[in-house]
PDB file of N, CA and C in Angstrom:
ATOM      1  N   MET A   1    -133.095 -21.849 -98.601  1.00  0.00           N
ATOM      2  CA  MET A   1    -132.579 -20.744 -97.386  1.00  0.00           C
ATOM      3  C   MET A   1    -131.473 -20.305 -98.453  1.00  0.00           C
ATOM      4  N   ALA A   2    -130.873 -18.904 -98.298  1.00  0.00           N
ATOM      5  CA  ALA A   2    -129.731 -18.602 -99.498  1.00  0.00           C
ATOM      6  C   ALA A   2    -128.516 -18.792 -99.281  1.00  0.00           C
ATOM      7  N   ALA A   3    -127.455 -19.430 -99.704  1.00  0.00           N
ATOM      8  CA  ALA A   3    -126.013 -19.569 -99.453  1.00  0.00           C
ATOM      9  C   ALA A   3    -125.202 -18.788 -99.127  1.00  0.00           C
ATOM     10  N   LYS A   4    -124.720 -18.646 -97.984  1.00  0.00           N
ATOM     11  CA  LYS A   4    -124.451 -17.237 -97.749  1.00  0.00           C
ATOM     12  C   LYS A   4    -122.224 -17.376 -98.771  1.00  0.00           C
ATOM     13  N   LYS A   5    -121.738 -16.481 -99.314  1.00  0.00           N
ATOM     14  CA  LYS A   5    -120.610 -16.558-100.055  1.00  0.00           C
ATOM     15  C   LYS A   5    -119.573 -15.474 -98.678  1.00  0.00           C
ATOM     16  N   LYS A   6    -118.839 -16.716 -99.056  1.00  0.00           N
ATOM     17  CA  LYS A   6    -117.703 -16.150 -97.897  1.00  0.00           C
ATOM     18  C   LYS A   6    -116.915 -15.678 -98.778  1.00  0.00           C
ATOM     19  N   THR A   7    -116.514 -14.628 -97.744  1.00  0.00           N
ATOM     20  CA  THR A   7    -115.420 -12.787 -97.836  1.00  0.00           C
ATOM     21  C   THR A   7    -114.109 -13.532 -97.839  1.00  0.00           C
ATOM     22  N   ALA A   8    -113.488 -13.375 -98.815  1.00  0.00           N
ATOM     23  CA  ALA A   8    -111.605 -13.498 -97.988  1.00  0.00           C
ATOM     24  C   ALA A   8    -111.328 -11.970 -97.148  1.00  0.00           C
ATOM     25  N   ARG A   9    -110.881 -12.999 -96.058  1.00  0.00           N
ATOM     26  CA  ARG A   9    -110.600 -12.476 -95.132  1.00  0.00           C
ATOM     27  C   ARG A   9    -109.103 -11.521 -95.559  1.00  0.00           C
ATOM     28  N   LYS A  10    -108.778 -10.435 -94.313  1.00  0.00           N
ATOM     29  CA  LYS A  10    -107.854  -9.222 -95.024  1.00  0.00           C
ATOM     30  C   LYS A  10    -106.840  -9.342 -93.774  1.00  0.00           C
ATOM     31  N   THR A  11    -105.738  -9.561 -93.345  1.00  0.00           N
ATOM     32  CA  THR A  11    -105.330  -8.451 -92.224  1.00  0.00           C
ATOM     33  C   THR A  11    -103.973  -7.366 -93.322  1.00  0.00           C
ATOM     34  N   ALA A  12    -103.954  -6.996 -92.730  1.00  0.00           N
ATOM     35  CA  ALA A  12    -103.298  -5.009 -93.437  1.00  0.00           C
ATOM     36  C   ALA A  12    -102.124  -4.732 -92.234  1.00  0.00           C
ATOM     37  N   ARG A  13    -101.235  -4.688 -92.405  1.00  0.00           N
ATOM     38  CA  ARG A  13    -100.286  -3.713 -91.452  1.00  0.00           C
ATOM     39  C   ARG A  13     -99.563  -2.315 -92.065  1.00  0.00           C
ATOM     40  N   LEU A  14     -99.911  -0.986 -91.129  1.00  0.00           N
ATOM     41  CA  LEU A  14     -99.868  -0.651 -91.516  1.00  0.00           C
ATOM     42  C   LEU A  14     -99.222   0.671 -90.873  1.00  0.00           C
ATOM     43  N   TRP A  15     -98.513   1.527 -91.065  1.00  0.00           N
ATOM     44  CA  TRP A  15     -97.433   2.380 -90.067  1.00  0.00           C
ATOM     45  C   TRP A  15     -99.343   3.668 -91.207  1.00  0.00           C
ATOM     46  N   LEU A  16     -99.544   4.465 -89.975  1.00  0.00           N
ATOM     47  CA  LEU A  16     -99.864   6.244 -90.324  1.00  0.00           C
ATOM     48  C   LEU A  16     -99.239   6.927 -89.538  1.00  0.00           C
ATOM     49  N   MET A  17     -99.417   8.122 -89.829  1.00  0.00           N
ATOM     50  CA  MET A  17     -98.805   8.762 -89.900  1.00  0.00           C
ATOM     51  C   MET A  17    -100.532  10.246 -89.878  1.00  0.00           C
ATOM     52  N   PHE A  18     -99.678  10.953 -88.683  1.00  0.00           N
ATOM     53  CA  PHE A  18    -101.388  11.990 -87.955  1.00  0.00           C
ATOM     54  C   PHE A  18    -100.555  12.736 -88.188  1.00  0.00           C
ATOM     55  N   PRO A  19    -101.240  14.159 -88.723  1.00  0.00           N
ATOM     56  CA  PRO A  19    -100.398  15.075 -88.567  1.00  0.00           C
ATOM     57  C   PRO A  19    -100.994  16.305 -87.432  1.00  0.00           C
ATOM     58  N   PRO A  20    -100.947  17.066 -87.223  1.00  0.00           N
ATOM     59  CA  PRO A  20    -101.018  18.036 -85.803  1.00  0.00           C
ATOM     60  C   PRO A  20    -101.965  17.819 -85.173  1.00  0.00           C
ATOM     61  N   LYS A  21    -102.964  18.331 -86.551  1.00  0.00           N
ATOM     62  CA  LYS A  21    -104.321  18.985 -86.049  1.00  0.00           C
ATOM     63  C   LYS A  21    -105.459  17.339 -85.688  1.00  0.00           C
ATOM     64  N   LEU A  22    -104.578  16.406 -86.733  1.00  0.00           N
ATOM     65  CA  LEU A  22    -105.454  14.996 -85.251  1.00  0.00           C
ATOM     66  C   LEU A  22    -104.655  13.816 -84.836  1.00  0.00           C
ATOM     67  N   ILE A  23    -103.841  14.733 -84.057  1.00  0.00           N
ATOM     68  CA  ILE A  23    -103.043  13.745 -82.605  1.00  0.00           C
ATOM     69  C   ILE A  23    -103.950  13.731 -82.124  1.00  0.00           C
ATOM     70  N   THR A  24    -104.793  14.839 -80.758  1.00  0.00           N
ATOM     71  CA  THR A  24    -106.338  14.676 -80.423  1.00  0.00           C
ATOM     72  C   THR A  24    -107.082  14.225 -80.411  1.00  0.00           C
ATOM     73  N   LYS A  25    -107.276  13.242 -81.516  1.00  0.00           N
ATOM     74  CA  LYS A  25    -109.059  13.106 -82.900  1.00  0.00           C
ATOM     75  C   LYS A  25    -108.461  11.594 -82.189  1.00  0.00           C
ATOM     76  N   PRO A  26    -109.485  11.052 -81.384  1.00  0.00           N
ATOM     77  CA  PRO A  26    -109.921   9.535 -81.409  1.00  0.00           C
ATOM     78  C   PRO A  26    -110.275   8.806 -82.518  1.00  0.00           C
ATOM     79  N   VAL A  27    -108.952   8.504 -83.693  1.00  0.00           N
ATOM     80  CA  VAL A  27    -109.102   7.466 -84.827  1.00  0.00           C
ATOM     81  C   VAL A  27    -109.509   7.040 -85.532  1.00  0.00           C
ATOM     82  N   VAL A  28    -108.578   6.228 -84.488  1.00  0.00           N
ATOM     83  CA  VAL A  28    -108.608   5.006 -84.785  1.00  0.00           C
ATOM     84  C   VAL A  28    -109.959   4.039 -83.708  1.00  0.00           C
ATOM     85  N   TRP A  29    -110.843   4.788 -82.851  1.00  0.00           N
ATOM     86  CA  TRP A  29    -112.023   4.264 -82.584  1.00  0.00           C
ATOM     87  C   TRP A  29    -112.577   4.285 -83.228  1.00  0.00           C
ATOM     88  N   GLU A  30    -113.152   6.152 -83.540  1.00  0.00           N
ATOM     89  CA  GLU A  30    -113.936   5.817 -84.834  1.00  0.00           C
ATOM     90  C   GLU A  30    -113.613   4.498 -85.935  1.00  0.00           C
ATOM     91  N   LEU A  31    -112.501   5.029 -86.392  1.00  0.00           N
ATOM     92  CA  LEU A  31    -112.453   3.835 -87.511  1.00  0.00           C
ATOM     93  C   LEU A  31    -113.304   1.997 -87.300  1.00  0.00           C
ATOM     94  N   SER A  32    -113.006   1.680 -85.880  1.00  0.00           N
ATOM     95  CA  SER A  32    -113.309   0.873 -85.187  1.00  0.00           C
ATOM     96  C   SER A  32    -114.407   0.707 -85.087  1.00  0.00           C
ATOM     97  N   ARG A  33    -115.557   1.643 -84.880  1.00  0.00           N
ATOM     98  CA  ARG A  33    -117.497   2.087 -84.654  1.00  0.00           C
ATOM     99  C   ARG A  33    -116.880   2.343 -86.154  1.00  0.00           C
ATOM    100  N   LYS A  34    -116.502   2.686 -87.165  1.00  0.00           N
ATOM    101  CA  LYS A  34    -117.513   2.975 -89.140  1.00  0.00           C
ATOM    102  C   LYS A  34    -117.401   1.436 -89.202  1.00  0.00           C
ATOM    103  N   PHE A  35    -116.348   0.466 -89.037  1.00  0.00           N
ATOM    104  CA  PHE A  35    -116.452  -0.030 -89.779  1.00  0.00           C
ATOM    105  C   PHE A  35    -115.651  -1.653 -89.375  1.00  0.00           C
ATOM    106  N   PRO A  36    -116.161  -2.550 -89.750  1.00  0.00           N
ATOM    107  CA  PRO A  36    -115.967  -3.807 -89.068  1.00  0.00           C
ATOM    108  C   PRO A  36    -115.611  -4.559 -88.969  1.00  0.00           C
ATOM    109  N   VAL A  37    -114.132  -3.644 -88.509  1.00  0.00           N
ATOM    110  CA  VAL A  37    -112.742  -4.239 -88.794  1.00  0.00           C
ATOM    111  C   VAL A  37    -112.443  -4.548 -86.962  1.00  0.00           C
ATOM    112  N   ILE A  38    -111.110  -5.603 -87.162  1.00  0.00           N
ATOM    113  CA  ILE A  38    -110.384  -5.757 -86.120  1.00  0.00           C
ATOM    114  C   ILE A  38    -109.634  -4.619 -86.082  1.00  0.00           C
ATOM    115  N   THR A  39    -109.095  -3.554 -85.131  1.00  0.00           N
ATOM    116  CA  THR A  39    -108.389  -2.594 -85.182  1.00  0.00           C
ATOM    117  C   THR A  39    -107.195  -3.427 -83.597  1.00  0.00           C
ATOM    118  N   ASN A  40    -105.660  -3.151 -84.469  1.00  0.00           N
ATOM    119  CA  ASN A  40    -104.747  -3.511 -83.291  1.00  0.00           C
ATOM    120  C   ASN A  40    -103.282  -2.965 -83.447  1.00  0.00           C
ATOM    121  N   VAL A  41    -103.179  -2.224 -82.090  1.00  0.00           N
ATOM    122  CA  VAL A  41    -101.688  -1.764 -82.399  1.00  0.00           C
ATOM    123  C   VAL A  41    -100.889  -1.920 -81.356  1.00  0.00           C
ATOM    124  N   ARG A  42    -100.104  -2.300 -82.574  1.00  0.00           N
ATOM    125  CA  ARG A  42     -98.414  -2.796 -82.341  1.00  0.00           C
ATOM    126  C   ARG A  42     -97.633  -1.770 -81.721  1.00  0.00           C
ATOM    127  N   GLN A  43     -97.308  -0.403 -82.262  1.00  0.00           N
ATOM    128  CA  GLN A  43     -96.257   0.544 -81.236  1.00  0.00           C
ATOM    129  C   GLN A  43     -96.976   1.879 -82.539  1.00  0.00           C
ATOM    130  N   ALA A  44     -96.461   2.253 -81.237  1.00  0.00           N
ATOM    131  CA  ALA A  44     -96.785   4.237 -81.024  1.00  0.00           C
ATOM    132  C   ALA A  44     -96.487   4.710 -81.139  1.00  0.00           C
ATOM    133  N   SER A  45     -95.855   5.914 -81.682  1.00  0.00           N
ATOM    134  CA  SER A  45     -95.481   6.984 -80.935  1.00  0.00           C
ATOM    135  C   SER A  45     -96.397   7.839 -81.295  1.00  0.00           C
ATOM    136  N   VAL A  46     -95.931   9.255 -80.264  1.00  0.00           N
ATOM    137  CA  VAL A  46     -97.195  10.148 -80.297  1.00  0.00           C
ATOM    138  C   VAL A  46     -96.221  11.842 -79.812  1.00  0.00           C
ATOM    139  N   THR A  47     -95.761  12.334 -80.351  1.00  0.00           N
ATOM    140  CA  THR A  47     -94.959  14.140 -80.111  1.00  0.00           C
ATOM    141  C   THR A  47     -96.171  15.539 -80.117  1.00  0.00           C
ATOM    142  N   ASP A  48     -95.863  16.610 -80.418  1.00  0.00           N
ATOM    143  CA  ASP A  48     -96.940  17.230 -80.475  1.00  0.00           C
ATOM    144  C   ASP A  48     -97.130  17.483 -82.029  1.00  0.00           C
ATOM    145  N   GLU A  49     -95.823  17.377 -82.640  1.00  0.00           N
ATOM    146  CA  GLU A  49     -95.827  17.514 -84.692  1.00  0.00           C
ATOM    147  C   GLU A  49     -96.512  16.690 -85.179  1.00  0.00           C
ATOM    148  N   ILE A  50     -96.485  15.417 -84.882  1.00  0.00           N
ATOM    149  CA  ILE A  50     -97.145  14.137 -85.655  1.00  0.00           C
ATOM    150  C   ILE A  50     -97.086  12.834 -84.324  1.00  0.00           C
ATOM    151  N   GLY A  51     -98.369  12.285 -84.727  1.00  0.00           N
ATOM    152  CA  GLY A  51     -98.681  11.052 -84.370  1.00  0.00           C
ATOM    153  C   GLY A  51     -97.900  10.106 -85.430  1.00  0.00           C
ATOM    154  N   LEU A  52     -97.071   8.597 -85.178  1.00  0.00           N
ATOM    155  CA  LEU A  52     -96.862   7.694 -85.382  1.00  0.00           C
ATOM    156  C   LEU A  52     -97.358   6.322 -85.235  1.00  0.00           C
ATOM    157  N   VAL A  53     -98.090   5.983 -85.997  1.00  0.00           N
ATOM    158  CA  VAL A  53     -98.711   4.070 -85.521  1.00  0.00           C
ATOM    159  C   VAL A  53     -99.400   3.114 -86.564  1.00  0.00           C
ATOM    160  N   CYS A  54     -98.348   1.633 -85.417  1.00  0.00           N
ATOM    161  CA  CYS A  54     -98.208   0.856 -86.124  1.00  0.00           C
ATOM    162  C   CYS A  54     -99.539   0.342 -85.967  1.00  0.00           C
ATOM    163  N   LEU A  55    -100.697  -0.139 -86.536  1.00  0.00           N
ATOM    164  CA  LEU A  55    -102.154  -0.266 -86.904  1.00  0.00           C
ATOM    165  C   LEU A  55    -102.214  -1.698 -87.724  1.00  0.00           C
ATOM    166  N   GLU A  56    -102.456  -2.505 -86.720  1.00  0.00           N
ATOM    167  CA  GLU A  56    -103.066  -3.931 -87.085  1.00  0.00           C
ATOM    168  C   GLU A  56    -104.086  -4.154 -87.844  1.00  0.00           C
ATOM    169  N   LEU A  57    -104.696  -3.781 -88.829  1.00  0.00           N
ATOM    170  CA  LEU A  57    -106.689  -3.933 -89.505  1.00  0.00           C
ATOM    171  C   LEU A  57    -106.827  -5.588 -89.673  1.00  0.00           C
ATOM    172  N   ASP A  58    -108.155  -5.665 -89.391  1.00  0.00           N
ATOM    173  CA  ASP A  58    -108.339  -6.933 -89.798  1.00  0.00           C
ATOM    174  C   ASP A  58    -109.852  -7.334 -89.909  1.00  0.00           C
ATOM    175  N   GLY A  59    -110.560  -7.853 -90.963  1.00  0.00           N
ATOM    176  CA  GLY A  59    -111.535  -8.822 -91.589  1.00  0.00           C
ATOM    177  C   GLY A  59    -111.764  -8.655 -92.951  1.00  0.00           C
ATOM    178  N   SER A  60    -113.025  -8.161 -93.997  1.00  0.00           N
ATOM    179  CA  SER A  60    -112.933  -8.435 -94.769  1.00  0.00           C
ATOM    180  C   SER A  60    -112.495  -8.078 -96.131  1.00  0.00           C
ATOM    181  N   ALA A  61    -111.866  -8.244 -97.199  1.00  0.00           N
ATOM    182  CA  ALA A  61    -110.553  -7.390 -97.936  1.00  0.00           C
ATOM    183  C   ALA A  61    -111.404  -6.109 -98.006  1.00  0.00           C
ATOM    184  N   THR A  62    -113.066  -6.359 -98.273  1.00  0.00           N
ATOM    185  CA  THR A  62    -113.253  -5.280 -99.196  1.00  0.00           C
ATOM    186  C   THR A  62    -113.671  -3.643 -97.679  1.00  0.00           C
ATOM    187  N   ASP A  63    -113.996  -4.554 -96.981  1.00  0.00           N
ATOM    188  CA  ASP A  63    -113.941  -4.326 -95.222  1.00  0.00           C
ATOM    189  C   ASP A  63    -112.868  -3.364 -95.294  1.00  0.00           C
ATOM    190  N   VAL A  64    -111.604  -3.596 -94.919  1.00  0.00           N
ATOM    191  CA  VAL A  64    -109.936  -3.474 -94.827  1.00  0.00           C
ATOM    192  C   VAL A  64    -110.021  -1.856 -95.587  1.00  0.00           C
ATOM    193  N   LYS A  65    -110.166  -2.517 -96.673  1.00  0.00           N
ATOM    194  CA  LYS A  65    -109.707  -1.093 -98.745  1.00  0.00           C
ATOM    195  C   LYS A  65    -111.032  -0.524 -97.222  1.00  0.00           C
ATOM    196  N   LYS A  66    -111.277   0.056 -96.973  1.00  0.00           N
ATOM    197  CA  LYS A  66    -112.883   1.115 -97.224  1.00  0.00           C
ATOM    198  C   LYS A  66    -112.724   1.587 -96.172  1.00  0.00           C
ATOM    199  N   ALA A  67    -111.733   0.860 -95.038  1.00  0.00           N
ATOM    200  CA  ALA A  67    -110.390   1.649 -93.906  1.00  0.00           C
ATOM    201  C   ALA A  67    -109.987   2.374 -94.223  1.00  0.00           C
ATOM    202  N   ILE A  68    -109.027   2.309 -95.380  1.00  0.00           N
ATOM    203  CA  ILE A  68    -107.635   2.148 -95.291  1.00  0.00           C
ATOM    204  C   ILE A  68    -107.944   3.717 -96.260  1.00  0.00           C
ATOM    205  N   THR A  69    -109.317   3.466 -97.363  1.00  0.00           N
ATOM    206  CA  THR A  69    -109.553   4.389 -98.062  1.00  0.00           C
ATOM    207  C   THR A  69    -110.161   6.164 -96.360  1.00  0.00           C
ATOM    208  N   TRP A  70    -111.015   5.196 -95.991  1.00  0.00           N
ATOM    209  CA  TRP A  70    -111.641   6.567 -95.583  1.00  0.00           C
ATOM    210  C   TRP A  70    -110.226   7.048 -94.040  1.00  0.00           C
ATOM    211  N   LEU A  71    -109.325   6.534 -93.679  1.00  0.00           N
ATOM    212  CA  LEU A  71    -107.992   7.235 -92.940  1.00  0.00           C
ATOM    213  C   LEU A  71    -107.257   7.976 -93.895  1.00  0.00           C
ATOM    214  N   GLY A  72    -107.870   7.613 -94.641  1.00  0.00           N
ATOM    215  CA  GLY A  72    -106.409   8.733 -96.057  1.00  0.00           C
ATOM    216  C   GLY A  72    -107.377  10.147 -96.201  1.00  0.00           C
ATOM    217  N   ARG A  73    -108.537   9.790 -96.881  1.00  0.00           N
ATOM    218  CA  ARG A  73    -109.831  11.023 -96.354  1.00  0.00           C
ATOM    219  C   ARG A  73    -109.889  11.959 -95.358  1.00  0.00           C
ATOM    220  N   LYS A  74    -109.818  11.585 -93.757  1.00  0.00           N
ATOM    221  CA  LYS A  74    -109.669  12.164 -93.066  1.00  0.00           C
ATOM    222  C   LYS A  74    -108.011  12.669 -92.958  1.00  0.00           C
ATOM    223  N   GLY A  75    -107.649  12.273 -93.489  1.00  0.00           N
ATOM    224  CA  GLY A  75    -105.917  13.038 -93.301  1.00  0.00           C
ATOM    225  C   GLY A  75    -104.581  12.862 -92.869  1.00  0.00           C
ATOM    226  N   VAL A  76    -105.330  11.503 -92.501  1.00  0.00           N
ATOM    227  CA  VAL A  76    -103.882   9.982 -91.621  1.00  0.00           C
ATOM    228  C   VAL A  76    -103.135   9.715 -93.405  1.00  0.00           C
ATOM    229  N   SER A  77    -102.007   9.355 -93.434  1.00  0.00           N
ATOM    230  CA  SER A  77    -101.235   9.171 -94.232  1.00  0.00           C
ATOM    231  C   SER A  77    -100.815   7.975 -94.198  1.00  0.00           C
ATOM    232  N   VAL A  78    -101.379   7.195 -94.621  1.00  0.00           N
ATOM    233  CA  VAL A  78    -100.992   5.624 -94.753  1.00  0.00           C
ATOM    234  C   VAL A  78    -100.051   4.720 -95.714  1.00  0.00           C
ATOM    235  N   GLU A  79     -98.952   4.065 -94.979  1.00  0.00           N
ATOM    236  CA  GLU A  79     -98.104   2.720 -95.918  1.00  0.00           C
ATOM    237  C   GLU A  79     -98.381   1.810 -95.030  1.00  0.00           C
ATOM    238  N   PRO A  80     -97.786   1.103 -96.150  1.00  0.00           N
ATOM    239  CA  PRO A  80     -98.289   0.095 -95.514  1.00  0.00           C
ATOM    240  C   PRO A  80     -97.018  -0.413 -95.493  1.00  0.00           C
ATOM    241  N   VAL A  81     -96.758  -1.682 -94.171  1.00  0.00           N
ATOM    242  CA  VAL A  81     -95.725  -1.952 -93.728  1.00  0.00           C
ATOM    243  C   VAL A  81     -94.933  -3.266 -94.067  1.00  0.00           C
ATOM    244  N   GLU A  82     -93.227  -2.570 -94.286  1.00  0.00           N
ATOM    245  CA  GLU A  82     -92.478  -3.764 -95.344  1.00  0.00           C
ATOM    246  C   GLU A  82     -91.838  -4.240 -94.648  1.00  0.00           C
ATOM    247  N   ILE A  83     -92.285  -5.922 -94.177  1.00  0.00           N
ATOM    248  CA  ILE A  83     -91.501  -6.557 -93.570  1.00  0.00           C
ATOM    249  C   ILE A  83     -90.268  -7.710 -94.927  1.00  0.00           C
ATOM    250  N   ASN A  84     -89.329  -7.298 -94.086  1.00  0.00           N
ATOM    251  CA  ASN A  84     -88.367  -8.476 -94.582  1.00  0.00           C
ATOM    252  C   ASN A  84     -87.659  -9.246 -94.319  1.00  0.00           C
ATOM    253  N   VAL A  85     -87.455 -10.359 -94.234  1.00  0.00           N
ATOM    254  CA  VAL A  85     -86.932 -11.258 -93.871  1.00  0.00           C
ATOM    255  C   VAL A  85     -85.898 -11.724 -95.124  1.00  0.00           C
ATOM    256  N   ILE A  86     -85.207 -12.166 -94.354  1.00  0.00           N
ATOM    257  CA  ILE A  86     -83.524 -12.893 -94.007  1.00  0.00           C
ATOM    258  C   ILE A  86     -83.606 -14.257 -94.299  1.00  0.00           C
ATOM    259  N   GLU A  87     -83.549 -14.772 -95.363  1.00  0.00           N
ATOM    260  CA  GLU A  87     -82.757 -16.008 -94.623  1.00  0.00           C
ATOM    261  C   GLU A  87     -81.868 -16.411 -94.313  1.00  0.00           C
ATOM    262  N   SER A  88     -81.894 -17.666 -93.452  1.00  0.00           N
ATOM    263  CA  SER A  88     -79.828 -17.426 -93.440  1.00  0.00           C
ATOM    264  C   SER A  88     -79.395 -19.088 -94.007  1.00  0.00           C
TER     265      SER A  88
END
């Protein structure tokens, strides 16, 4: 029996900005069907002009990277969420 390679897991927290033409499209659903990643909407704000979503993606590092690339090709602006921790 061939040994299975252990793939590195990755969780990415991202800000997604949807242009008006994509606001009514089920992009996050399509992403979850197309790639074996777990999607978790952490925050969202949608108007007629823009959609802003904080999305957490969890999966293999390769699948997360492919999913992020796919979002960009669809026309979604993708930026990492930067968490600043102030130690006291």
